[in-house]
Protein backbone atom coordinates (compact mmCIF):
# COMPACT_ATOMS: atom_id res chain seq x y z
CA MET A 1 0.05 0.24 0.27
CA GLU A 2 0.56 3.76 -0.39
CA TYR A 3 0.70 6.65 1.30
CA THR A 4 0.66 10.09 -0.06
CA VAL A 5 2.29 12.37 2.96
CA GLN A 6 -1.32 13.20 4.25
CA LYS A 7 -2.77 9.78 4.74
CA LEU A 8 0.32 8.66 6.44
CA ALA A 9 1.24 11.77 9.11
CA ARG A 10 -2.70 10.75 9.93
CA LEU A 11 -1.52 6.74 10.74
CA ALA A 12 1.72 7.95 12.43
CA GLY A 13 -0.31 9.87 14.51
CA ILE A 14 2.92 13.30 13.14
CA SER A 15 2.39 16.07 10.97
CA SER A 16 2.37 16.44 7.84
CA ARG A 17 6.01 18.79 8.73
CA THR A 18 7.71 16.40 10.27
CA LEU A 19 7.41 13.83 7.24
CA ARG A 20 8.66 16.72 5.89
CA TYR A 21 11.86 17.14 7.50
CA TYR A 22 12.29 13.86 7.02
CA ASP A 23 12.84 14.09 4.07
CA GLU A 24 15.22 17.65 3.56
CA ILE A 25 17.27 15.85 6.38
CA GLY A 26 17.18 12.67 4.41
CA ILE A 27 16.49 10.34 7.56
CA LEU A 28 13.49 9.66 5.70
CA LYS A 29 13.16 9.98 1.88
CA PRO A 30 9.19 9.09 -0.30
CA ALA A 31 9.66 5.79 -2.34
CA ARG A 32 8.88 7.98 -5.36
CA ILE A 33 7.48 12.42 -6.46
CA SER A 34 4.33 11.49 -8.32
CA SER A 35 3.20 13.73 -11.44
CA SER A 36 1.66 15.75 -9.39
CA GLY A 37 4.63 16.39 -7.23
CA TYR A 38 3.11 14.81 -4.73
CA ARG A 39 5.70 12.51 -2.00
CA ILE A 40 4.50 8.69 -1.66
CA TYR A 41 5.72 6.45 0.86
CA ALA A 42 5.48 2.70 0.51
CA GLN A 43 5.55 -0.13 2.92
CA ALA A 44 9.55 0.28 2.83
CA GLU A 45 9.23 3.69 4.03
CA VAL A 46 5.76 3.15 7.03
CA ASP A 47 8.67 0.76 8.36
CA ARG A 48 11.34 3.05 8.21
CA LEU A 49 9.34 5.73 10.06
CA GLN A 50 8.61 2.99 12.44
CA GLN A 51 11.51 3.13 13.38
CA ILE A 52 12.27 5.87 13.75
CA LEU A 53 9.77 6.57 16.56
CA PHE A 54 10.89 4.17 18.21
CA PHE A 55 14.29 6.18 18.74
CA ARG A 56 12.47 8.90 18.89
CA GLU A 57 11.01 7.86 22.35
CA LEU A 58 13.70 6.94 23.06
CA GLY A 59 15.09 10.15 23.65
CA LEU A 60 17.49 9.90 20.54
CA SER A 61 18.51 12.21 18.05
CA LEU A 62 17.69 12.63 14.43
CA GLU A 63 20.84 13.59 13.85
CA ARG A 64 21.56 9.80 16.01
CA ILE A 65 18.48 7.78 13.90
CA LYS A 66 19.58 8.58 10.62
CA ASP A 67 23.52 7.58 10.92
CA ILE A 68 21.95 4.64 12.73
CA ILE A 69 20.00 3.14 10.76
CA ASN A 70 22.13 4.01 7.51
CA THR A 71 24.43 2.52 8.57
CA PRO A 72 24.77 -0.54 6.23
CA SER A 73 25.62 -2.78 8.97
CA PHE A 74 21.71 -2.36 10.61
CA ASP A 75 19.95 -4.55 11.81
CA GLU A 76 15.66 -3.94 11.98
CA LEU A 77 15.44 -6.91 13.24
CA ARG A 78 18.02 -7.13 16.20
CA ALA A 79 16.33 -2.87 16.43
CA LEU A 80 13.48 -4.30 17.29
CA LYS A 81 14.25 -6.53 19.81
CA GLU A 82 16.48 -3.81 21.44
CA HIS A 83 13.32 -1.39 21.86
CA ARG A 84 11.05 -3.94 22.62
CA GLU A 85 14.12 -4.31 25.91
CA LYS A 86 14.15 -0.50 26.34
CA LEU A 87 10.28 0.09 26.24
CA LEU A 88 10.46 -2.45 29.12
CA GLU A 89 13.00 -0.82 30.92
CA LYS A 90 10.33 1.79 30.65
CA ARG A 91 7.65 -0.05 31.49
CA ALA A 92 9.37 -1.21 34.63
CA GLN A 93 10.33 2.53 35.66
CA LEU A 94 6.88 3.72 35.24
CA ASP A 95 4.97 0.41 37.09
CA LEU A 96 7.20 1.04 39.56
CA LEU A 97 6.44 5.30 40.34
CA ILE A 98 2.92 4.35 40.05
CA ALA A 99 3.01 1.54 42.12
CA ASN A 100 5.04 4.52 44.19
CA VAL A 101 2.15 6.30 43.90
CA ASN A 102 -1.01 4.29 44.71
CA LYS A 103 0.96 4.12 48.32
CA THR A 104 1.37 7.73 49.02
CA ILE A 105 -2.15 7.94 47.56
CA ALA A 106 -3.67 5.81 50.46
CA VAL A 107 -1.11 6.39 52.91
CA ASN A 108 -3.24 10.85 53.27
CA GLU A 109 -7.02 8.46 52.39
CA GLY A 110 -5.60 7.14 55.82
CA SER A 111 -5.79 3.37 54.08
CA ILE A 112 -2.47 1.86 54.33
CA THR A 113 0.87 3.18 56.72
CA MET A 114 4.03 3.70 54.52
CA THR A 115 7.71 4.18 55.29
CA ASP A 116 10.23 6.89 54.39
CA LYS A 117 12.65 3.82 53.18
CA GLU A 118 9.18 2.86 50.66
CA LYS A 119 8.48 6.93 49.64
CA PHE A 120 11.30 7.01 47.72
CA ALA A 121 11.78 3.84 46.26
CA GLY A 122 10.81 4.69 43.37
CA PHE A 123 13.16 6.92 43.09
CA LYS A 124 15.95 5.89 43.30
CA GLN A 125 14.75 2.82 41.71
CA LYS A 126 14.73 5.24 38.27
CA LEU A 127 17.90 5.55 39.00
CA ILE A 128 19.65 2.89 39.50
CA ASP A 129 17.93 1.87 36.30
CA ASP A 130 19.40 5.43 34.79
CA ASN A 131 22.75 5.03 35.97
CA GLU A 132 22.96 0.93 34.90
CA LYS A 133 21.68 2.05 31.38
CA THR A 134 23.98 4.75 31.18
CA TYR A 135 27.23 3.71 32.95
CA GLY A 136 26.99 -0.40 34.20
CA LYS A 137 29.00 -2.15 32.20
CA GLU A 138 31.70 0.26 31.78
CA ILE A 139 31.71 0.40 35.85
CA ARG A 140 31.17 -3.21 36.30
CA ALA A 141 34.46 -4.11 34.48
CA LYS A 142 36.59 -1.70 37.27
CA TYR A 143 34.84 -2.77 39.94
CA GLY A 144 32.68 -5.30 39.71
CA ASP A 145 29.70 -6.63 39.80
CA GLU A 146 29.64 -7.22 43.81
CA LYS A 147 30.47 -3.74 44.30
CA ILE A 148 28.66 -2.38 42.14
CA ASN A 149 25.38 -4.36 43.44
CA GLN A 150 26.62 -3.34 47.16
CA SER A 151 26.42 -0.16 45.73
CA ASN A 152 23.12 0.11 44.72
CA GLU A 153 22.02 -1.76 48.10
CA ARG A 154 22.90 1.16 50.09
CA LEU A 155 20.88 3.84 47.21
CA MET A 156 18.22 2.05 48.13
CA GLY A 157 18.68 1.60 51.71
CA MET A 158 18.96 5.12 51.67
CA ASN A 159 16.05 7.01 54.76
CA GLU A 160 14.66 9.71 53.77
CA LYS A 161 17.40 12.32 55.55
CA GLN A 162 20.60 9.88 54.28
CA TYR A 163 18.82 10.36 50.82
CA ALA A 164 18.47 13.97 51.01
CA LYS A 165 22.20 14.65 52.75
CA TRP A 166 23.81 12.39 49.16
CA GLU A 167 21.85 14.50 46.89
CA GLU A 168 23.17 18.09 48.48
CA LEU A 169 26.43 16.95 49.02
CA GLY A 170 25.50 16.17 45.16
CA LEU A 171 25.13 19.38 44.36
CA ARG A 172 27.25 20.92 46.68
CA VAL A 173 30.14 19.18 45.21
CA ILE A 174 29.12 20.56 41.56
CA GLU A 175 28.86 24.57 42.60
CA SER A 176 32.12 23.74 44.79
CA LEU A 177 33.92 22.98 41.23
CA LYS A 178 32.77 25.43 39.90
CA LYS A 179 33.88 27.83 41.50
CA ALA A 180 36.46 25.28 42.52
CA VAL A 181 37.20 25.43 38.29
CA ALA A 182 38.04 29.89 38.39
CA THR A 183 40.73 29.50 40.28
CA GLY A 184 42.70 26.97 38.04
CA ASP A 185 44.55 25.36 40.69
CA PRO A 186 43.66 22.26 41.57
CA ALA A 187 45.71 22.03 44.33
CA GLY A 188 44.21 25.18 45.75
CA GLU A 189 42.41 24.90 49.31
CA LEU A 190 38.99 25.49 46.65
CA ALA A 191 39.74 21.82 44.38
CA GLN A 192 40.40 20.26 47.28
CA MET A 193 37.57 20.87 49.06
CA THR A 194 35.81 19.15 46.28
CA ALA A 195 37.85 16.48 46.52
CA ASP A 196 36.33 16.25 49.95
CA LEU A 197 33.09 16.80 49.49
CA HIS A 198 33.27 14.57 46.22
CA ARG A 199 34.81 11.93 49.16
CA GLN A 200 32.24 11.94 51.66
CA TRP A 201 29.60 11.98 48.48
CA LEU A 202 30.48 8.39 47.37
CA ILE A 203 30.75 7.59 50.60
CA TYR A 204 27.51 6.66 50.66
CA THR A 205 27.04 4.42 48.33
CA TRP A 206 29.94 2.78 49.06
CA ASP A 207 30.55 0.13 50.67
CA SER A 208 34.31 1.26 51.40
CA TYR A 209 36.26 3.48 51.23
CA SER A 210 40.27 3.55 49.63
CA LYS A 211 42.17 7.09 47.64
CA GLU A 212 43.56 4.26 45.40
CA ALA A 213 39.62 3.18 44.22
CA HIS A 214 38.71 6.55 44.67
CA ALA A 215 41.32 7.90 42.42
CA GLY A 216 40.26 5.39 40.15
CA LEU A 217 36.91 6.90 39.75
CA ALA A 218 38.58 10.21 38.90
CA GLN A 219 40.53 8.99 35.91
CA MET A 220 37.40 6.94 34.63
CA TYR A 221 35.92 10.75 35.05
CA VAL A 222 38.00 12.17 32.16
CA ALA A 223 39.10 7.91 30.51
CA ASP A 224 35.03 7.95 29.62
CA GLU A 225 33.07 10.63 27.61
CA ARG A 226 30.01 9.65 29.11
CA PHE A 227 31.83 10.70 32.94
CA ALA A 228 33.71 13.30 30.90
CA ALA A 229 30.06 14.56 29.80
CA PHE A 230 28.17 15.18 32.81
CA TYR A 231 30.94 17.47 34.21
CA ASN A 232 31.59 19.13 31.55
CA GLU A 233 28.20 20.08 31.13
CA LYS A 234 28.48 21.49 34.55
CA GLN A 235 31.36 23.35 34.33
CA ALA A 236 33.88 23.46 30.90
CA GLY A 237 37.02 22.25 31.95
CA GLY A 238 34.73 19.94 34.43
CA ALA A 239 35.81 17.34 34.49
CA GLU A 240 39.73 17.20 33.68
CA PHE A 241 39.73 19.83 37.23
CA LEU A 242 38.24 17.41 39.96
CA ARG A 243 40.65 14.28 37.96
CA ASP A 244 43.42 16.94 39.16
CA ALA A 245 42.09 17.64 42.90
CA ILE A 246 40.93 14.25 43.66
CA LEU A 247 44.13 13.04 42.33
CA ILE A 248 46.39 14.97 44.45
CA TYR A 249 43.89 14.29 47.55
CA THR A 250 44.58 10.98 47.74
CA GLY A 251 48.31 11.04 46.96
CA THR A 252 47.96 10.02 43.64
CA ASN A 253 49.03 12.20 41.28
CA LYS A 254 52.80 11.51 41.62
């Protein structure tokens, strides 16, 4: 079956303007142009549009999607299976948050009680899931499954006060880092205070602290572009500066 821009847009639940834009940027070209000048889409384009919308739902940029689906090795079936896994993960996160909201409603109605840990379980689990998705492979390879699982368990086991303090420390690390970078001195007082705040933040989820492990994590902040992007987004040059400050703080900068 073939579709015009308007018919395919209605079928997919998007605007005609979106389809025309996809054509302009080369991510979804029509199968042909009719004698009247209309864009005509066939089954292959319908399937491609479905893939694009799947990727969009998962938060990928159009530029990234274009790179993926234009790769000669692109495997549609494999991509669909990966979409399914990611959507199942997303559903599990939403189910946990919904259950948390339902419990909170019941608490407010007076039908049940809810512990402090239960109040934040959904948020903490989502944080763990997001971290696993973004950094899991690398940190598990570096520190091992046992340590990472213990760290996740400690996070899930935090009470309301501990969780609030942990979040506060994370924000203080970023704010202190911004001021420290401005000094240009990773050995300076502000930089070393930032490194200490970072240590305090870490020990909330680490089973035990060691200078070597702290330094190793700091090295990863620069070596892995995703870690680097997180700190550099907060402050230009932040990842390298924080690494240098931590290496000095731990005495491992030799």
